[in-house]
Amino acid sequence: MIQKTTLPKADVAEKTRKWHFFDASDKVLGRLSTKIAVLLVGKHKRDFTPNMDCGDFVVVTNTDKVRITGNKLEDKFYFRHSGYANGAKTIPYKRQMENDSTRVVELSVRRMLDDNPMRDRRMKRLRLFKGEQTQFKTAKAAK
């Protein structure tokens, strides 16, 4: 019995992209992020190939209503460094949610994706909205 391995073409993967919509209200941040990461990578598809970008588009609304478990509301911090001496900044989770809740979900999903050149392309297919906004521009609507 002969078995052939078929690899999807790049243009076929581009044409078969679908849109997935999530409402983040009362969803746990980590569990929601893993589902989004799987869709962005394309692991849910039958013709998944690790070295090709064959994932789908994902739209998330109500990022300000996402919840976390345990004591993370007080214990979780976001760290960044400017590169200069004394350039470290830490922002508590609670303040980051008040400032920009979309950034919390974006960082969570971004850190679940592999650190390779495809990560930036995958993140461009992620659309995040604070409230109930469902108006966004798509490539299909522009045509």
Protein backbone atom coordinates (compact mmCIF):
# COMPACT_ATOMS: atom_id res chain seq x y z
CA MET A 1 0.00 0.00 0.00
CA ILE A 2 1.46 3.33 -1.08
CA GLN A 3 0.78 6.36 1.06
CA LYS A 4 1.51 9.84 -0.18
CA THR A 5 2.13 12.83 2.00
CA THR A 6 0.45 15.90 0.60
CA LEU A 7 1.49 19.38 1.59
CA PRO A 8 -0.94 22.26 1.23
CA LYS A 9 -0.02 25.10 -1.10
CA ALA A 10 0.39 28.59 0.33
CA ASP A 11 -2.39 30.05 -1.83
CA VAL A 12 -4.79 27.27 -0.78
CA ALA A 13 -4.11 28.02 2.89
CA GLU A 14 -4.73 31.71 2.18
CA LYS A 15 -8.10 31.03 0.51
CA THR A 16 -9.41 28.67 3.18
CA ARG A 17 -8.98 31.02 6.13
CA LYS A 18 -12.14 31.37 8.24
CA TRP A 19 -13.28 33.93 10.80
CA HIS A 20 -13.87 32.89 14.42
CA PHE A 21 -15.66 35.16 16.91
CA PHE A 22 -15.27 34.99 20.70
CA ASP A 23 -17.07 36.86 23.45
CA ALA A 24 -14.57 37.11 26.32
CA SER A 25 -17.07 38.10 29.00
CA ASP A 26 -16.69 35.78 32.04
CA LYS A 27 -14.13 33.57 30.26
CA VAL A 28 -10.89 32.59 32.00
CA LEU A 29 -7.96 34.37 30.36
CA GLY A 30 -5.65 31.37 29.96
CA ARG A 31 -8.28 29.00 28.60
CA LEU A 32 -9.50 31.57 26.11
CA SER A 33 -5.94 32.34 25.02
CA THR A 34 -5.14 28.69 24.31
CA LYS A 35 -8.19 28.36 22.07
CA ILE A 36 -7.23 31.52 20.21
CA ALA A 37 -3.61 30.38 19.81
CA VAL A 38 -4.70 27.03 18.34
CA LEU A 39 -6.92 28.81 15.79
CA LEU A 40 -4.20 31.31 14.84
CA VAL A 41 -1.65 28.55 14.27
CA GLY A 42 -4.12 26.32 12.40
CA LYS A 43 -3.71 23.17 14.49
CA HIS A 44 -7.44 22.52 14.28
CA LYS A 45 -7.24 21.96 10.51
CA ARG A 46 -6.78 18.61 8.84
CA ASP A 47 -4.02 19.90 6.58
CA PHE A 48 -1.95 21.54 9.35
CA THR A 49 1.71 21.92 8.49
CA PRO A 50 4.11 23.30 11.14
CA ASN A 51 6.27 25.25 8.70
CA MET A 52 3.35 27.02 6.97
CA ASP A 53 1.08 29.77 8.17
CA CYS A 54 -2.33 28.16 7.69
CA GLY A 55 -4.29 29.59 10.65
CA ASP A 56 -7.57 31.48 10.71
CA PHE A 57 -8.73 34.98 11.69
CA VAL A 58 -9.93 35.50 15.27
CA VAL A 59 -12.07 38.36 16.62
CA VAL A 60 -12.47 38.81 20.39
CA THR A 61 -14.95 41.24 21.95
CA ASN A 62 -15.47 42.29 25.59
CA THR A 63 -11.84 41.92 26.59
CA ASP A 64 -12.53 44.17 29.58
CA LYS A 65 -14.79 41.46 31.07
CA VAL A 66 -12.25 38.62 30.97
CA ARG A 67 -11.57 37.02 34.35
CA ILE A 68 -8.64 35.28 36.00
CA THR A 69 -8.55 32.69 38.75
CA GLY A 70 -6.85 32.55 42.13
CA ASN A 71 -5.01 35.51 43.63
CA LYS A 72 -3.71 36.76 40.29
CA LEU A 73 -5.72 39.97 40.59
CA GLU A 74 -3.26 41.10 43.27
CA ASP A 75 -0.21 38.97 42.42
CA LYS A 76 0.09 39.23 38.62
CA PHE A 77 2.39 41.88 37.13
CA TYR A 78 3.42 42.85 33.62
CA PHE A 79 7.13 43.56 33.25
CA ARG A 80 8.93 45.53 30.56
CA HIS A 81 12.40 47.03 30.28
CA SER A 82 13.55 49.93 28.15
CA GLY A 83 17.11 48.65 27.88
CA TYR A 84 18.56 51.51 29.89
CA ALA A 85 19.79 51.31 33.47
CA ASN A 86 16.86 51.48 35.88
CA GLY A 87 14.51 51.12 32.92
CA ALA A 88 12.43 48.31 34.41
CA LYS A 89 8.70 48.93 34.76
CA THR A 90 6.14 46.66 36.36
CA ILE A 91 2.42 47.23 36.00
CA PRO A 92 -0.08 45.35 38.19
CA TYR A 93 -2.76 43.33 36.38
CA LYS A 94 -5.56 45.45 37.83
CA ARG A 95 -4.09 48.72 36.50
CA GLN A 96 -3.31 47.18 33.11
CA MET A 97 -6.94 46.09 32.78
CA GLU A 98 -8.08 49.64 33.55
CA ASN A 99 -5.63 51.16 31.06
CA ASP A 100 -5.92 48.72 28.15
CA SER A 101 -7.58 45.33 28.55
CA THR A 102 -6.86 44.38 24.94
CA ARG A 103 -3.14 44.40 25.75
CA VAL A 104 -3.67 41.76 28.46
CA VAL A 105 -5.30 39.33 26.03
CA GLU A 106 -2.79 40.19 23.29
CA LEU A 107 0.21 39.44 25.54
CA SER A 108 -1.39 36.22 26.76
CA VAL A 109 -1.94 34.93 23.21
CA ARG A 110 1.41 36.21 21.94
CA ARG A 111 3.33 34.36 24.66
CA MET A 112 1.53 31.11 23.76
CA LEU A 113 2.74 31.25 20.15
CA ASP A 114 6.19 30.07 19.09
CA ASP A 115 8.85 32.76 18.95
CA ASN A 116 9.58 32.62 15.23
CA PRO A 117 9.03 34.85 12.17
CA MET A 118 5.48 33.52 11.70
CA ARG A 119 4.33 34.84 15.08
CA ASP A 120 3.97 38.43 13.88
CA ARG A 121 1.95 37.34 10.84
CA ARG A 122 -0.31 35.26 13.06
CA MET A 123 -0.83 38.11 15.52
CA LYS A 124 -1.97 40.39 12.67
CA ARG A 125 -4.93 38.06 12.20
CA LEU A 126 -6.07 38.66 15.78
CA ARG A 127 -8.58 41.48 16.32
CA LEU A 128 -9.32 42.61 19.89
CA PHE A 129 -12.11 44.93 21.04
CA LYS A 130 -12.79 46.31 24.51
CA GLY A 131 -16.58 46.37 24.38
CA GLU A 132 -19.36 45.04 22.20
CA GLN A 133 -17.87 46.57 19.06
CA THR A 134 -18.41 44.30 16.09
CA GLN A 135 -17.62 46.81 13.38
CA PHE A 136 -14.24 46.10 11.91
CA LYS A 137 -12.73 46.23 8.47
CA THR A 138 -12.08 42.99 6.69
CA ALA A 139 -10.46 42.28 3.40
CA LYS A 140 -13.77 40.88 2.16
CA ALA A 141 -15.69 44.04 3.07
CA ALA A 142 -13.18 46.22 1.23
CA LYS A 143 -13.81 44.43 -2.05
